[in-house]
Amino acid sequence: MTEATAGRDRPVVLLLSGPNLNLLGEREPDVYGSATLSDHVAVARAQAGQHGLDLEHVQSNHEGDLVEAVHTARGRCAAIVINPGAFTHYAWSIHDALAAFGGPVVEVHLSNPNAREPWRHTSVVAPVASGSITGFGGDGYRLALDDVAALLEDRP
């Protein structure tokens, strides 16, 4: 058990969802699918449970709210899974907050940003993430929780 999970029955993973993800299921279903954000969170929560992890979720359309969520996760959460949405491409404050986190961070995108418009090809989150999962739709959340569990098992 790490310091971040001491005193808890199960380690906590923070799932962060960036701007406009609250519109999933309505916004560009040809790109993002028909599942809602609640559907994706339910998949992530179930997968976390299979690995003996608890999951907390925060969605915000405001960059500062996500930065605050990362700050409050320090010393409390074992890992972070983040779909930063459009913040992926320019939110250096999220990059800096994640860099100070100390646990595994997995970046998730429903679509493959590298197969889309050129401005989506740069991620400011990727350099501070343990890994990125892109282009697998909602299955990316399940894959992210599998990876988080493996990364946590490998920690001393």
C-alpha atoms as a PDB file:
ATOM      1  CA  MET A   1       0.000   0.000   0.000  1.00  0.00           C
ATOM      2  CA  THR A   2       1.423   3.383  -0.981  1.00  0.00           C
ATOM      3  CA  GLU A   3       1.275   6.606   0.971  1.00  0.00           C
ATOM      4  CA  ALA A   4      -1.457   7.823  -1.411  1.00  0.00           C
ATOM      5  CA  THR A   5      -3.701   4.911  -0.428  1.00  0.00           C
ATOM      6  CA  ALA A   6      -2.833   4.554   3.265  1.00  0.00           C
ATOM      7  CA  GLY A   7      -5.912   4.383   5.466  1.00  0.00           C
ATOM      8  CA  ARG A   8      -8.190   3.375   2.582  1.00  0.00           C
ATOM      9  CA  ASP A   9      -9.666  -0.017   1.882  1.00  0.00           C
ATOM     10  CA  ARG A  10      -9.026   0.374  -1.852  1.00  0.00           C
ATOM     11  CA  PRO A  11      -6.753   2.675  -3.850  1.00  0.00           C
ATOM     12  CA  VAL A  12      -8.573   5.544  -5.565  1.00  0.00           C
ATOM     13  CA  VAL A  13      -8.216   6.419  -9.234  1.00  0.00           C
ATOM     14  CA  LEU A  14      -9.297   9.900 -10.271  1.00  0.00           C
ATOM     15  CA  LEU A  15     -10.971  10.046 -13.682  1.00  0.00           C
ATOM     16  CA  LEU A  16     -10.880  13.549 -15.167  1.00  0.00           C
ATOM     17  CA  SER A  17     -13.010  14.618 -18.126  1.00  0.00           C
ATOM     18  CA  GLY A  18     -12.323  17.878 -19.924  1.00  0.00           C
ATOM     19  CA  PRO A  19     -14.464  20.365 -21.811  1.00  0.00           C
ATOM     20  CA  ASN A  20     -17.473  19.339 -23.860  1.00  0.00           C
ATOM     21  CA  LEU A  21     -17.275  15.724 -22.742  1.00  0.00           C
ATOM     22  CA  ASN A  22     -20.516  16.365 -20.860  1.00  0.00           C
ATOM     23  CA  LEU A  23     -22.075  16.513 -24.377  1.00  0.00           C
ATOM     24  CA  LEU A  24     -21.010  12.989 -25.358  1.00  0.00           C
ATOM     25  CA  GLY A  25     -23.853  11.095 -26.962  1.00  0.00           C
ATOM     26  CA  GLU A  26     -25.123  14.315 -28.557  1.00  0.00           C
ATOM     27  CA  ARG A  27     -21.982  15.986 -29.939  1.00  0.00           C
ATOM     28  CA  GLU A  28     -20.541  14.565 -33.157  1.00  0.00           C
ATOM     29  CA  PRO A  29     -21.606  10.937 -32.618  1.00  0.00           C
ATOM     30  CA  ASP A  30     -19.850  10.042 -35.881  1.00  0.00           C
ATOM     31  CA  VAL A  31     -16.554  10.995 -34.188  1.00  0.00           C
ATOM     32  CA  TYR A  32     -17.190  10.263 -30.493  1.00  0.00           C
ATOM     33  CA  GLY A  33     -19.894   7.584 -30.614  1.00  0.00           C
ATOM     34  CA  SER A  34     -23.351   7.493 -29.091  1.00  0.00           C
ATOM     35  CA  ALA A  35     -22.370   6.618 -25.503  1.00  0.00           C
ATOM     36  CA  THR A  36     -22.780   9.354 -22.911  1.00  0.00           C
ATOM     37  CA  LEU A  37     -20.156  10.463 -20.420  1.00  0.00           C
ATOM     38  CA  SER A  38     -22.156   8.614 -17.746  1.00  0.00           C
ATOM     39  CA  ASP A  39     -21.864   5.445 -19.826  1.00  0.00           C
ATOM     40  CA  HIS A  40     -18.077   5.830 -20.038  1.00  0.00           C
ATOM     41  CA  VAL A  41     -17.769   6.550 -16.320  1.00  0.00           C
ATOM     42  CA  ALA A  42     -19.827   3.436 -15.539  1.00  0.00           C
ATOM     43  CA  VAL A  43     -17.468   1.313 -17.687  1.00  0.00           C
ATOM     44  CA  ALA A  44     -14.429   2.840 -15.967  1.00  0.00           C
ATOM     45  CA  ARG A  45     -15.944   2.344 -12.506  1.00  0.00           C
ATOM     46  CA  ALA A  46     -16.766  -1.316 -13.235  1.00  0.00           C
ATOM     47  CA  GLN A  47     -13.266  -1.964 -14.611  1.00  0.00           C
ATOM     48  CA  ALA A  48     -11.669  -0.241 -11.626  1.00  0.00           C
ATOM     49  CA  GLY A  49     -13.751  -2.433  -9.312  1.00  0.00           C
ATOM     50  CA  GLN A  50     -12.510  -5.563 -11.066  1.00  0.00           C
ATOM     51  CA  HIS A  51      -8.987  -4.489 -10.132  1.00  0.00           C
ATOM     52  CA  GLY A  52      -9.856  -3.644  -6.527  1.00  0.00           C
ATOM     53  CA  LEU A  53      -9.756   0.094  -7.190  1.00  0.00           C
ATOM     54  CA  ASP A  54     -12.258   2.841  -6.377  1.00  0.00           C
ATOM     55  CA  LEU A  55     -12.977   5.510  -8.968  1.00  0.00           C
ATOM     56  CA  GLU A  56     -13.851   9.165  -8.515  1.00  0.00           C
ATOM     57  CA  HIS A  57     -14.927  11.268 -11.481  1.00  0.00           C
ATOM     58  CA  VAL A  58     -14.672  15.007 -12.129  1.00  0.00           C
ATOM     59  CA  GLN A  59     -15.827  16.684 -15.346  1.00  0.00           C
ATOM     60  CA  SER A  60     -15.336  20.362 -16.007  1.00  0.00           C
ATOM     61  CA  ASN A  61     -15.374  22.755 -18.898  1.00  0.00           C
ATOM     62  CA  HIS A  62     -12.989  24.982 -16.904  1.00  0.00           C
ATOM     63  CA  GLU A  63      -9.249  24.397 -16.914  1.00  0.00           C
ATOM     64  CA  GLY A  64      -8.716  25.641 -13.362  1.00  0.00           C
ATOM     65  CA  ASP A  65     -11.237  23.143 -11.977  1.00  0.00           C
ATOM     66  CA  LEU A  66      -9.239  20.277 -13.467  1.00  0.00           C
ATOM     67  CA  VAL A  67      -5.984  21.712 -12.099  1.00  0.00           C
ATOM     68  CA  GLU A  68      -7.577  21.916  -8.634  1.00  0.00           C
ATOM     69  CA  ALA A  69      -8.800  18.322  -8.944  1.00  0.00           C
ATOM     70  CA  VAL A  70      -5.247  17.157  -9.714  1.00  0.00           C
ATOM     71  CA  HIS A  71      -3.907  19.149  -6.759  1.00  0.00           C
ATOM     72  CA  THR A  72      -6.425  17.579  -4.359  1.00  0.00           C
ATOM     73  CA  ALA A  73      -5.557  14.116  -5.734  1.00  0.00           C
ATOM     74  CA  ARG A  74      -1.949  14.475  -4.581  1.00  0.00           C
ATOM     75  CA  GLY A  75      -1.342  12.210  -1.604  1.00  0.00           C
ATOM     76  CA  ARG A  76      -4.936  10.931  -1.794  1.00  0.00           C
ATOM     77  CA  CYS A  77      -5.317   9.137  -5.132  1.00  0.00           C
ATOM     78  CA  ALA A  78      -3.128   6.355  -6.454  1.00  0.00           C
ATOM     79  CA  ALA A  79      -3.491   7.254 -10.152  1.00  0.00           C
ATOM     80  CA  ILE A  80      -5.208   9.562 -12.618  1.00  0.00           C
ATOM     81  CA  VAL A  81      -6.939   8.744 -15.894  1.00  0.00           C
ATOM     82  CA  ILE A  82      -7.589  11.887 -17.914  1.00  0.00           C
ATOM     83  CA  ASN A  83      -9.441  12.693 -21.103  1.00  0.00           C
ATOM     84  CA  PRO A  84      -8.487  16.360 -21.313  1.00  0.00           C
ATOM     85  CA  GLY A  85     -10.569  17.056 -24.445  1.00  0.00           C
ATOM     86  CA  ALA A  86      -9.426  20.224 -26.190  1.00  0.00           C
ATOM     87  CA  PHE A  87      -7.213  21.081 -23.206  1.00  0.00           C
ATOM     88  CA  THR A  88      -4.928  18.348 -24.547  1.00  0.00           C
ATOM     89  CA  HIS A  89      -3.447  20.748 -27.055  1.00  0.00           C
ATOM     90  CA  TYR A  90      -2.667  23.856 -25.018  1.00  0.00           C
ATOM     91  CA  ALA A  91      -3.381  23.562 -21.270  1.00  0.00           C
ATOM     92  CA  TRP A  92       0.099  23.843 -19.823  1.00  0.00           C
ATOM     93  CA  SER A  93      -1.388  24.378 -16.359  1.00  0.00           C
ATOM     94  CA  ILE A  94      -2.856  20.853 -16.535  1.00  0.00           C
ATOM     95  CA  HIS A  95       0.527  19.562 -17.749  1.00  0.00           C
ATOM     96  CA  ASP A  96       2.260  21.184 -14.776  1.00  0.00           C
ATOM     97  CA  ALA A  97      -0.310  19.903 -12.267  1.00  0.00           C
ATOM     98  CA  LEU A  98      -0.024  16.352 -13.613  1.00  0.00           C
ATOM     99  CA  ALA A  99       3.786  16.585 -13.537  1.00  0.00           C
ATOM    100  CA  ALA A 100       3.554  17.257  -9.785  1.00  0.00           C
ATOM    101  CA  PHE A 101       1.146  14.374  -9.142  1.00  0.00           C
ATOM    102  CA  GLY A 102       3.593  11.532  -8.463  1.00  0.00           C
ATOM    103  CA  GLY A 103       1.452   8.532  -9.459  1.00  0.00           C
ATOM    104  CA  PRO A 104       0.618   6.957 -12.793  1.00  0.00           C
ATOM    105  CA  VAL A 105      -1.274   9.140 -15.271  1.00  0.00           C
ATOM    106  CA  VAL A 106      -2.982   7.663 -18.318  1.00  0.00           C
ATOM    107  CA  GLU A 107      -4.278   9.932 -21.089  1.00  0.00           C
ATOM    108  CA  VAL A 108      -7.384   8.734 -22.963  1.00  0.00           C
ATOM    109  CA  HIS A 109      -9.046   9.965 -26.158  1.00  0.00           C
ATOM    110  CA  LEU A 110     -12.105   8.415 -27.758  1.00  0.00           C
ATOM    111  CA  SER A 111     -10.937   9.394 -31.236  1.00  0.00           C
ATOM    112  CA  ASN A 112      -7.401   9.294 -32.582  1.00  0.00           C
ATOM    113  CA  PRO A 113      -6.181  12.914 -32.510  1.00  0.00           C
ATOM    114  CA  ASN A 114      -3.312  12.041 -34.861  1.00  0.00           C
ATOM    115  CA  ALA A 115      -5.798  11.031 -37.561  1.00  0.00           C
ATOM    116  CA  ARG A 116      -7.649  14.328 -37.308  1.00  0.00           C
ATOM    117  CA  GLU A 117      -6.897  18.024 -37.890  1.00  0.00           C
ATOM    118  CA  PRO A 118      -3.220  18.987 -37.564  1.00  0.00           C
ATOM    119  CA  TRP A 119      -3.834  21.201 -34.510  1.00  0.00           C
ATOM    120  CA  ARG A 120      -4.941  18.060 -32.611  1.00  0.00           C
ATOM    121  CA  HIS A 121      -1.635  16.260 -33.192  1.00  0.00           C
ATOM    122  CA  THR A 122       0.171  17.858 -30.235  1.00  0.00           C
ATOM    123  CA  SER A 123      -0.580  16.787 -26.677  1.00  0.00           C
ATOM    124  CA  VAL A 124       0.820  18.784 -23.775  1.00  0.00           C
ATOM    125  CA  VAL A 125      -0.399  15.996 -21.479  1.00  0.00           C
ATOM    126  CA  ALA A 126       1.483  13.117 -23.147  1.00  0.00           C
ATOM    127  CA  PRO A 127       4.950  14.173 -21.897  1.00  0.00           C
ATOM    128  CA  VAL A 128       3.815  13.814 -18.268  1.00  0.00           C
ATOM    129  CA  ALA A 129       1.625  10.737 -18.776  1.00  0.00           C
ATOM    130  CA  SER A 130       2.691   7.158 -18.217  1.00  0.00           C
ATOM    131  CA  GLY A 131       0.955   6.385 -21.507  1.00  0.00           C
ATOM    132  CA  SER A 132      -1.788   7.438 -23.899  1.00  0.00           C
ATOM    133  CA  ILE A 133      -4.697   5.417 -25.272  1.00  0.00           C
ATOM    134  CA  THR A 134      -6.285   6.912 -28.373  1.00  0.00           C
ATOM    135  CA  GLY A 135      -8.736   5.877 -31.023  1.00  0.00           C
ATOM    136  CA  PHE A 136     -10.435   2.936 -29.305  1.00  0.00           C
ATOM    137  CA  GLY A 137     -13.665   4.740 -28.465  1.00  0.00           C
ATOM    138  CA  GLY A 138     -15.182   3.960 -25.095  1.00  0.00           C
ATOM    139  CA  ASP A 139     -13.039   0.842 -24.789  1.00  0.00           C
ATOM    140  CA  GLY A 140     -10.161   3.232 -24.090  1.00  0.00           C
ATOM    141  CA  TYR A 141     -11.468   3.746 -20.557  1.00  0.00           C
ATOM    142  CA  ARG A 142     -11.418   0.001 -19.859  1.00  0.00           C
ATOM    143  CA  LEU A 143      -7.913  -0.242 -21.307  1.00  0.00           C
ATOM    144  CA  ALA A 144      -6.771   2.729 -19.208  1.00  0.00           C
ATOM    145  CA  LEU A 145      -7.960   1.102 -15.976  1.00  0.00           C
ATOM    146  CA  ASP A 146      -6.241  -2.159 -16.934  1.00  0.00           C
ATOM    147  CA  ASP A 147      -3.027  -0.216 -17.494  1.00  0.00           C
ATOM    148  CA  VAL A 148      -3.378   1.742 -14.245  1.00  0.00           C
ATOM    149  CA  ALA A 149      -3.844  -1.495 -12.310  1.00  0.00           C
ATOM    150  CA  ALA A 150      -0.722  -2.982 -13.917  1.00  0.00           C
ATOM    151  CA  LEU A 151       1.298   0.162 -13.228  1.00  0.00           C
ATOM    152  CA  LEU A 152       0.203   0.196  -9.581  1.00  0.00           C
ATOM    153  CA  GLU A 153       1.146  -3.473  -9.174  1.00  0.00           C
ATOM    154  CA  ASP A 154       4.629  -2.730 -10.500  1.00  0.00           C
ATOM    155  CA  ARG A 155       5.237   0.038  -7.952  1.00  0.00           C
ATOM    156  CA  PRO A 156       7.335  -0.772  -4.886  1.00  0.00           C
END
